[in-house]
Amino acid sequence: QLARQAGVSRSTLTRIADGKSISLDSFVRVIKA
């Protein structure tokens, strides 16, 4: 659900859950979502 709302892939959210780095653009998209 968050991936759809943020316009990022689910694998990006998996990286977040694992504490791995992501792009600043993806980070901002998730924060906004």
Full PDB file with SEQRES, HELIX, SHEET, SSBOND, CRYST1, ORIGX, SCALE, CONECT and MASTER records, all heavy atoms in Angstrom:
SEQRES   1 A   33  GLN LEU ALA ARG GLN ALA GLY VAL SER ARG SER THR LEU          
SEQRES   2 A   33  THR ARG ILE ALA ASP GLY LYS SER ILE SER LEU ASP SER          
SEQRES   3 A   33  PHE VAL ARG VAL ILE LYS ALA                                  
HELIX    1 AA1 LEU A    2  ALA A    6  1                                   5    
HELIX    2 AA2 ARG A   10  ALA A   17  1                                   8    
HELIX    3 AA3 LEU A   24  LYS A   32  1                                   9    
CRYST1    1.000    1.000    1.000  90.00  90.00  90.00 P 1           1          
ORIGX1      1.000000  0.000000  0.000000        0.00000                         
ORIGX2      0.000000  1.000000  0.000000        0.00000                         
ORIGX3      0.000000  0.000000  1.000000        0.00000                         
SCALE1      1.000000  0.000000  0.000000        0.00000                         
SCALE2      0.000000  1.000000  0.000000        0.00000                         
SCALE3      0.000000  0.000000  1.000000        0.00000                         
ATOM      1  N   GLN A   1       0.837  -1.206   0.000  1.00  0.00           N  
ATOM      2  CA  GLN A   1       0.000   0.000   0.000  1.00  0.00           C  
ATOM      3  C   GLN A   1       0.871   1.255   0.000  1.00  0.00           C  
ATOM      4  O   GLN A   1       0.628   2.187  -0.763  1.00  0.00           O  
ATOM      5  CB  GLN A   1      -0.922  -0.010   1.212  1.00  0.00           C  
ATOM      6  CG  GLN A   1      -1.855   1.175   1.295  1.00  0.00           C  
ATOM      7  CD  GLN A   1      -2.725   1.142   2.554  1.00  0.00           C  
ATOM      8  OE1 GLN A   1      -2.603   0.248   3.381  1.00  0.00           O  
ATOM      9  NE2 GLN A   1      -3.581   2.122   2.701  1.00  0.00           N  
ATOM     10  N   LEU A   2       1.878   1.293   0.859  1.00  0.00           N  
ATOM     11  CA  LEU A   2       2.748   2.461   0.926  1.00  0.00           C  
ATOM     12  C   LEU A   2       3.532   2.626  -0.367  1.00  0.00           C  
ATOM     13  O   LEU A   2       3.723   3.753  -0.834  1.00  0.00           O  
ATOM     14  CB  LEU A   2       3.690   2.359   2.126  1.00  0.00           C  
ATOM     15  CG  LEU A   2       4.618   3.551   2.357  1.00  0.00           C  
ATOM     16  CD1 LEU A   2       3.841   4.860   2.484  1.00  0.00           C  
ATOM     17  CD2 LEU A   2       5.489   3.315   3.585  1.00  0.00           C  
ATOM     18  N   ALA A   3       3.967   1.536  -0.957  1.00  0.00           N  
ATOM     19  CA  ALA A   3       4.697   1.611  -2.223  1.00  0.00           C  
ATOM     20  C   ALA A   3       3.835   2.283  -3.286  1.00  0.00           C  
ATOM     21  O   ALA A   3       4.303   3.156  -4.028  1.00  0.00           O  
ATOM     22  CB  ALA A   3       5.128   0.224  -2.670  1.00  0.00           C  
ATOM     23  N   ARG A   4       2.567   1.873  -3.373  1.00  0.00           N  
ATOM     24  CA  ARG A   4       1.649   2.490  -4.345  1.00  0.00           C  
ATOM     25  C   ARG A   4       1.474   3.977  -4.060  1.00  0.00           C  
ATOM     26  O   ARG A   4       1.539   4.806  -4.966  1.00  0.00           O  
ATOM     27  CB  ARG A   4       0.287   1.797  -4.310  1.00  0.00           C  
ATOM     28  CG  ARG A   4       0.239   0.493  -5.064  1.00  0.00           C  
ATOM     29  CD  ARG A   4      -1.199  -0.009  -5.232  1.00  0.00           C  
ATOM     30  NE  ARG A   4      -1.930  -0.134  -3.965  1.00  0.00           N  
ATOM     31  CZ  ARG A   4      -1.867  -1.180  -3.158  1.00  0.00           C  
ATOM     32  NH1 ARG A   4      -1.108  -2.219  -3.467  1.00  0.00           N  
ATOM     33  NH2 ARG A   4      -2.568  -1.207  -2.029  1.00  0.00           N  
ATOM     34  N   GLN A   5       1.238   4.328  -2.805  1.00  0.00           N  
ATOM     35  CA  GLN A   5       1.005   5.725  -2.438  1.00  0.00           C  
ATOM     36  C   GLN A   5       2.238   6.594  -2.687  1.00  0.00           C  
ATOM     37  O   GLN A   5       2.107   7.748  -3.078  1.00  0.00           O  
ATOM     38  CB  GLN A   5       0.595   5.835  -0.972  1.00  0.00           C  
ATOM     39  CG  GLN A   5      -0.774   5.270  -0.682  1.00  0.00           C  
ATOM     40  CD  GLN A   5      -1.092   5.239   0.810  1.00  0.00           C  
ATOM     41  OE1 GLN A   5      -0.210   5.362   1.658  1.00  0.00           O  
ATOM     42  NE2 GLN A   5      -2.365   5.074   1.126  1.00  0.00           N  
ATOM     43  N   ALA A   6       3.420   6.029  -2.449  1.00  0.00           N  
ATOM     44  CA  ALA A   6       4.654   6.794  -2.588  1.00  0.00           C  
ATOM     45  C   ALA A   6       5.205   6.775  -4.014  1.00  0.00           C  
ATOM     46  O   ALA A   6       6.070   7.585  -4.350  1.00  0.00           O  
ATOM     47  CB  ALA A   6       5.708   6.244  -1.625  1.00  0.00           C  
ATOM     48  N   GLY A   7       4.729   5.841  -4.823  1.00  0.00           N  
ATOM     49  CA  GLY A   7       5.248   5.733  -6.185  1.00  0.00           C  
ATOM     50  C   GLY A   7       6.642   5.141  -6.230  1.00  0.00           C  
ATOM     51  O   GLY A   7       7.467   5.524  -7.068  1.00  0.00           O  
ATOM     52  N   VAL A   8       6.912   4.214  -5.302  1.00  0.00           N  
ATOM     53  CA  VAL A   8       8.194   3.519  -5.268  1.00  0.00           C  
ATOM     54  C   VAL A   8       7.928   2.017  -5.334  1.00  0.00           C  
ATOM     55  O   VAL A   8       6.793   1.571  -5.185  1.00  0.00           O  
ATOM     56  CB  VAL A   8       9.012   3.859  -3.991  1.00  0.00           C  
ATOM     57  CG1 VAL A   8       9.315   5.342  -3.921  1.00  0.00           C  
ATOM     58  CG2 VAL A   8       8.309   3.406  -2.728  1.00  0.00           C  
ATOM     59  N   SER A   9       8.970   1.245  -5.544  1.00  0.00           N  
ATOM     60  CA  SER A   9       8.802  -0.204  -5.608  1.00  0.00           C  
ATOM     61  C   SER A   9       8.708  -0.794  -4.209  1.00  0.00           C  
ATOM     62  O   SER A   9       9.159  -0.189  -3.225  1.00  0.00           O  
ATOM     63  CB  SER A   9       9.974  -0.838  -6.355  1.00  0.00           C  
ATOM     64  OG  SER A   9      11.160  -0.712  -5.594  1.00  0.00           O  
ATOM     65  N   ARG A  10       8.144  -1.963  -4.150  1.00  0.00           N  
ATOM     66  CA  ARG A  10       8.067  -2.654  -2.853  1.00  0.00           C  
ATOM     67  C   ARG A  10       9.464  -3.024  -2.372  1.00  0.00           C  
ATOM     68  O   ARG A  10       9.726  -3.038  -1.168  1.00  0.00           O  
ATOM     69  CB  ARG A  10       7.190  -3.900  -2.971  1.00  0.00           C  
ATOM     70  CG  ARG A  10       6.909  -4.517  -1.616  1.00  0.00           C  
ATOM     71  CD  ARG A  10       5.711  -5.437  -1.637  1.00  0.00           C  
ATOM     72  NE  ARG A  10       5.585  -6.052  -0.337  1.00  0.00           N  
ATOM     73  CZ  ARG A  10       6.110  -7.249  -0.037  1.00  0.00           C  
ATOM     74  NH1 ARG A  10       6.754  -7.941  -0.927  1.00  0.00           N  
ATOM     75  NH2 ARG A  10       5.958  -7.739   1.174  1.00  0.00           N  
ATOM     76  N   SER A  11      10.370  -3.293  -3.303  1.00  0.00           N  
ATOM     77  CA  SER A  11      11.745  -3.620  -2.896  1.00  0.00           C  
ATOM     78  C   SER A  11      12.412  -2.418  -2.216  1.00  0.00           C  
ATOM     79  O   SER A  11      13.260  -2.596  -1.338  1.00  0.00           O  
ATOM     80  CB  SER A  11      12.578  -4.103  -4.086  1.00  0.00           C  
ATOM     81  OG  SER A  11      12.741  -3.083  -5.044  1.00  0.00           O  
ATOM     82  N   THR A  12      12.021  -1.210  -2.593  1.00  0.00           N  
ATOM     83  CA  THR A  12      12.537  -0.019  -1.898  1.00  0.00           C  
ATOM     84  C   THR A  12      12.082  -0.030  -0.452  1.00  0.00           C  
ATOM     85  O   THR A  12      12.867   0.259   0.460  1.00  0.00           O  
ATOM     86  CB  THR A  12      12.058   1.265  -2.598  1.00  0.00           C  
ATOM     87  OG1 THR A  12      12.632   1.319  -3.907  1.00  0.00           O  
ATOM     88  CG2 THR A  12      12.450   2.520  -1.825  1.00  0.00           C  
ATOM     89  N   LEU A  13      10.841  -0.406  -0.219  1.00  0.00           N  
ATOM     90  CA  LEU A  13      10.344  -0.467   1.157  1.00  0.00           C  
ATOM     91  C   LEU A  13      10.982  -1.614   1.934  1.00  0.00           C  
ATOM     92  O   LEU A  13      11.176  -1.504   3.149  1.00  0.00           O  
ATOM     93  CB  LEU A  13       8.825  -0.562   1.167  1.00  0.00           C  
ATOM     94  CG  LEU A  13       8.143   0.701   0.629  1.00  0.00           C  
ATOM     95  CD1 LEU A  13       6.646   0.542   0.611  1.00  0.00           C  
ATOM     96  CD2 LEU A  13       8.532   1.926   1.428  1.00  0.00           C  
ATOM     97  N   THR A  14      11.328  -2.674   1.254  1.00  0.00           N  
ATOM     98  CA  THR A  14      12.062  -3.762   1.909  1.00  0.00           C  
ATOM     99  C   THR A  14      13.436  -3.268   2.339  1.00  0.00           C  
ATOM    100  O   THR A  14      13.904  -3.586   3.434  1.00  0.00           O  
ATOM    101  CB  THR A  14      12.187  -4.972   0.970  1.00  0.00           C  
ATOM    102  OG1 THR A  14      10.878  -5.428   0.633  1.00  0.00           O  
ATOM    103  CG2 THR A  14      12.965  -6.106   1.620  1.00  0.00           C  
ATOM    104  N   ARG A  15      14.067  -2.470   1.490  1.00  0.00           N  
ATOM    105  CA  ARG A  15      15.370  -1.886   1.855  1.00  0.00           C  
ATOM    106  C   ARG A  15      15.232  -0.989   3.083  1.00  0.00           C  
ATOM    107  O   ARG A  15      16.081  -1.000   3.973  1.00  0.00           O  
ATOM    108  CB  ARG A  15      15.972  -1.111   0.684  1.00  0.00           C  
ATOM    109  CG  ARG A  15      16.394  -1.988  -0.476  1.00  0.00           C  
ATOM    110  CD  ARG A  15      17.036  -1.187  -1.595  1.00  0.00           C  
ATOM    111  NE  ARG A  15      18.232  -0.490  -1.152  1.00  0.00           N  
ATOM    112  CZ  ARG A  15      19.437  -1.045  -1.000  1.00  0.00           C  
ATOM    113  NH1 ARG A  15      19.596  -2.328  -1.277  1.00  0.00           N  
ATOM    114  NH2 ARG A  15      20.463  -0.331  -0.607  1.00  0.00           N  
ATOM    115  N   ILE A  16      14.146  -0.220   3.127  1.00  0.00           N  
ATOM    116  CA  ILE A  16      13.899   0.637   4.295  1.00  0.00           C  
ATOM    117  C   ILE A  16      13.743  -0.224   5.541  1.00  0.00           C  
ATOM    118  O   ILE A  16      14.343   0.055   6.580  1.00  0.00           O  
ATOM    119  CB  ILE A  16      12.656   1.519   4.075  1.00  0.00           C  
ATOM    120  CG1 ILE A  16      12.943   2.596   3.034  1.00  0.00           C  
ATOM    121  CG2 ILE A  16      12.202   2.162   5.389  1.00  0.00           C  
ATOM    122  CD1 ILE A  16      11.730   3.402   2.620  1.00  0.00           C  
ATOM    123  N   ALA A  17      12.941  -1.279   5.438  1.00  0.00           N  
ATOM    124  CA  ALA A  17      12.701  -2.158   6.590  1.00  0.00           C  
ATOM    125  C   ALA A  17      13.989  -2.789   7.092  1.00  0.00           C  
ATOM    126  O   ALA A  17      14.145  -3.027   8.289  1.00  0.00           O  
ATOM    127  CB  ALA A  17      11.694  -3.243   6.216  1.00  0.00           C  
ATOM    128  N   ASP A  18      14.918  -3.044   6.171  1.00  0.00           N  
ATOM    129  CA  ASP A  18      16.201  -3.650   6.535  1.00  0.00           C  
ATOM    130  C   ASP A  18      17.231  -2.620   6.980  1.00  0.00           C  
ATOM    131  O   ASP A  18      18.367  -2.974   7.300  1.00  0.00           O  
ATOM    132  CB  ASP A  18      16.757  -4.451   5.357  1.00  0.00           C  
ATOM    133  CG  ASP A  18      15.914  -5.667   5.018  1.00  0.00           C  
ATOM    134  OD1 ASP A  18      15.145  -6.126   5.894  1.00  0.00           O  
ATOM    135  OD2 ASP A  18      16.015  -6.165   3.877  1.00  0.00           O  
ATOM    136  N   GLY A  19      16.849  -1.334   6.950  1.00  0.00           N  
ATOM    137  CA  GLY A  19      17.777  -0.285   7.364  1.00  0.00           C  
ATOM    138  C   GLY A  19      18.845   0.011   6.342  1.00  0.00           C  
ATOM    139  O   GLY A  19      19.883   0.577   6.675  1.00  0.00           O  
ATOM    140  N   LYS A  20      18.595  -0.348   5.090  1.00  0.00           N  
ATOM    141  CA  LYS A  20      19.571  -0.104   4.024  1.00  0.00           C  
ATOM    142  C   LYS A  20      19.278   1.244   3.374  1.00  0.00           C  
ATOM    143  O   LYS A  20      18.169   1.758   3.441  1.00  0.00           O  
ATOM    144  CB  LYS A  20      19.511  -1.221   2.990  1.00  0.00           C  
ATOM    145  CG  LYS A  20      19.916  -2.561   3.564  1.00  0.00           C  
ATOM    146  CD  LYS A  20      19.867  -3.636   2.526  1.00  0.00           C  
ATOM    147  CE  LYS A  20      20.274  -4.974   3.150  1.00  0.00           C  
ATOM    148  NZ  LYS A  20      20.120  -6.065   2.200  1.00  0.00           N  
ATOM    149  N   SER A  21      20.288   1.791   2.728  1.00  0.00           N  
ATOM    150  CA  SER A  21      20.120   3.114   2.141  1.00  0.00           C  
ATOM    151  C   SER A  21      19.241   3.060   0.896  1.00  0.00           C  
ATOM    152  O   SER A  21      19.162   2.042   0.203  1.00  0.00           O  
ATOM    153  CB  SER A  21      21.475   3.729   1.803  1.00  0.00           C  
ATOM    154  OG  SER A  21      22.125   2.977   0.811  1.00  0.00           O  
ATOM    155  N   ILE A  22      18.570   4.174   0.645  1.00  0.00           N  
ATOM    156  CA  ILE A  22      17.738   4.346  -0.546  1.00  0.00           C  
ATOM    157  C   ILE A  22      18.037   5.741  -1.094  1.00  0.00           C  
ATOM    158  O   ILE A  22      18.712   6.542  -0.447  1.00  0.00           O  
ATOM    159  CB  ILE A  22      16.235   4.206  -0.223  1.00  0.00           C  
ATOM    160  CG1 ILE A  22      15.796   5.212   0.837  1.00  0.00           C  
ATOM    161  CG2 ILE A  22      15.904   2.784   0.219  1.00  0.00           C  
ATOM    162  CD1 ILE A  22      14.298   5.291   1.046  1.00  0.00           C  
ATOM    163  N   SER A  23      17.523   6.037  -2.274  1.00  0.00           N  
ATOM    164  CA  SER A  23      17.765   7.353  -2.855  1.00  0.00           C  
ATOM    165  C   SER A  23      17.016   8.427  -2.067  1.00  0.00           C  
ATOM    166  O   SER A  23      15.995   8.151  -1.412  1.00  0.00           O  
ATOM    167  CB  SER A  23      17.324   7.391  -4.318  1.00  0.00           C  
ATOM    168  OG  SER A  23      15.914   7.390  -4.409  1.00  0.00           O  
ATOM    169  N   LEU A  24      17.508   9.638  -2.143  1.00  0.00           N  
ATOM    170  CA  LEU A  24      16.853  10.751  -1.472  1.00  0.00           C  
ATOM    171  C   LEU A  24      15.450  10.955  -2.026  1.00  0.00           C  
ATOM    172  O   LEU A  24      14.510  11.217  -1.277  1.00  0.00           O  
ATOM    173  CB  LEU A  24      17.682  12.030  -1.612  1.00  0.00           C  
ATOM    174  CG  LEU A  24      17.101  13.286  -0.952  1.00  0.00           C  
ATOM    175  CD1 LEU A  24      16.892  13.065   0.543  1.00  0.00           C  
ATOM    176  CD2 LEU A  24      17.997  14.475  -1.208  1.00  0.00           C  
ATOM    177  N   ASP A  25      15.286  10.796  -3.338  1.00  0.00           N  
ATOM    178  CA  ASP A  25      13.971  10.933  -3.952  1.00  0.00           C  
ATOM    179  C   ASP A  25      12.986   9.933  -3.355  1.00  0.00           C  
ATOM    180  O   ASP A  25      11.869  10.305  -2.988  1.00  0.00           O  
ATOM    181  CB  ASP A  25      14.070  10.741  -5.469  1.00  0.00           C  
ATOM    182  CG  ASP A  25      12.726  10.879  -6.149  1.00  0.00           C  
ATOM    183  OD1 ASP A  25      12.134  11.983  -6.092  1.00  0.00           O  
ATOM    184  OD2 ASP A  25      12.253   9.881  -6.730  1.00  0.00           O  
ATOM    185  N   SER A  26      13.386   8.688  -3.239  1.00  0.00           N  
ATOM    186  CA  SER A  26      12.512   7.664  -2.649  1.00  0.00           C  
ATOM    187  C   SER A  26      12.213   7.977  -1.191  1.00  0.00           C  
ATOM    188  O   SER A  26      11.080   7.814  -0.728  1.00  0.00           O  
ATOM    189  CB  SER A  26      13.146   6.274  -2.766  1.00  0.00           C  
ATOM    190  OG  SER A  26      13.255   5.892  -4.109  1.00  0.00           O  
ATOM    191  N   PHE A  27      13.219   8.425  -0.475  1.00  0.00           N  
ATOM    192  CA  PHE A  27      13.041   8.774   0.936  1.00  0.00           C  
ATOM    193  C   PHE A  27      11.982   9.859   1.083  1.00  0.00           C  
ATOM    194  O   PHE A  27      11.071   9.748   1.887  1.00  0.00           O  
ATOM    195  CB  PHE A  27      14.389   9.236   1.518  1.00  0.00           C  
ATOM    196  CG  PHE A  27      14.385   9.465   2.996  1.00  0.00           C  
ATOM    197  CD1 PHE A  27      14.470   8.409   3.881  1.00  0.00           C  
ATOM    198  CD2 PHE A  27      14.293  10.744   3.513  1.00  0.00           C  
ATOM    199  CE1 PHE A  27      14.468   8.617   5.259  1.00  0.00           C  
ATOM    200  CE2 PHE A  27      14.290  10.968   4.880  1.00  0.00           C  
ATOM    201  CZ  PHE A  27      14.370   9.894   5.754  1.00  0.00           C  
ATOM    202  N   VAL A  28      12.077  10.904   0.269  1.00  0.00           N  
ATOM    203  CA  VAL A  28      11.111  12.009   0.329  1.00  0.00           C  
ATOM    204  C   VAL A  28       9.725  11.537  -0.068  1.00  0.00           C  
ATOM    205  O   VAL A  28       8.721  11.906   0.550  1.00  0.00           O  
ATOM    206  CB  VAL A  28      11.590  13.183  -0.558  1.00  0.00           C  
ATOM    207  CG1 VAL A  28      10.507  14.253  -0.704  1.00  0.00           C  
ATOM    208  CG2 VAL A  28      12.858  13.806   0.014  1.00  0.00           C  
ATOM    209  N   ARG A  29       9.620  10.688  -1.084  1.00  0.00           N  
ATOM    210  CA  ARG A  29       8.323  10.157  -1.503  1.00  0.00           C  
ATOM    211  C   ARG A  29       7.636   9.383  -0.371  1.00  0.00           C  
ATOM    212  O   ARG A  29       6.432   9.511  -0.146  1.00  0.00           O  
ATOM    213  CB  ARG A  29       8.479   9.244  -2.713  1.00  0.00           C  
ATOM    214  CG  ARG A  29       8.776   9.969  -3.992  1.00  0.00           C  
ATOM    215  CD  ARG A  29       9.108   8.953  -5.082  1.00  0.00           C  
ATOM    216  NE  ARG A  29       9.427   9.571  -6.322  1.00  0.00           N  
ATOM    217  CZ  ARG A  29       8.638   9.574  -7.394  1.00  0.00           C  
ATOM    218  NH1 ARG A  29       7.477   8.953  -7.346  1.00  0.00           N  
ATOM    219  NH2 ARG A  29       9.012  10.172  -8.487  1.00  0.00           N  
ATOM    220  N   VAL A  30       8.424   8.578   0.334  1.00  0.00           N  
ATOM    221  CA  VAL A  30       7.868   7.773   1.433  1.00  0.00           C  
ATOM    222  C   VAL A  30       7.444   8.690   2.584  1.00  0.00           C  
ATOM    223  O   VAL A  30       6.378   8.507   3.173  1.00  0.00           O  
ATOM    224  CB  VAL A  30       8.874   6.693   1.890  1.00  0.00           C  
ATOM    225  CG1 VAL A  30       8.407   6.010   3.160  1.00  0.00           C  
ATOM    226  CG2 VAL A  30       9.097   5.688   0.773  1.00  0.00           C  
ATOM    227  N   ILE A  31       8.276   9.676   2.897  1.00  0.00           N  
ATOM    228  CA  ILE A  31       7.919  10.626   3.952  1.00  0.00           C  
ATOM    229  C   ILE A  31       6.601  11.313   3.632  1.00  0.00           C  
ATOM    230  O   ILE A  31       5.715  11.417   4.492  1.00  0.00           O  
ATOM    231  CB  ILE A  31       9.034  11.683   4.127  1.00  0.00           C  
ATOM    232  CG1 ILE A  31      10.251  11.074   4.810  1.00  0.00           C  
ATOM    233  CG2 ILE A  31       8.542  12.871   4.941  1.00  0.00           C  
ATOM    234  CD1 ILE A  31      11.441  12.003   4.858  1.00  0.00           C  
ATOM    235  N   LYS A  32       6.455  11.763   2.402  1.00  0.00           N  
ATOM    236  CA  LYS A  32       5.213  12.439   1.995  1.00  0.00           C  
ATOM    237  C   LYS A  32       4.017  11.490   2.077  1.00  0.00           C  
ATOM    238  O   LYS A  32       2.961  11.872   2.560  1.00  0.00           O  
ATOM    239  CB  LYS A  32       5.373  13.002   0.590  1.00  0.00           C  
ATOM    240  CG  LYS A  32       6.283  14.223   0.531  1.00  0.00           C  
ATOM    241  CD  LYS A  32       6.529  14.701  -0.884  1.00  0.00           C  
ATOM    242  CE  LYS A  32       5.250  15.205  -1.523  1.00  0.00           C  
ATOM    243  NZ  LYS A  32       5.468  15.777  -2.863  1.00  0.00           N  
ATOM    244  N   ALA A  33       4.199  10.259   1.613  1.00  0.00           N  
ATOM    245  CA  ALA A  33       3.111   9.288   1.642  1.00  0.00           C  
ATOM    246  C   ALA A  33       2.681   8.951   3.068  1.00  0.00           C  
ATOM    247  O   ALA A  33       1.526   8.647   3.314  1.00  0.00           O  
ATOM    248  CB  ALA A  33       3.510   8.025   0.884  1.00  0.00           C  
TER     249      ALA A  33                                                      
MASTER        0    0    0    3    0    0    0    6  248    1    0    3          
END                                                                             
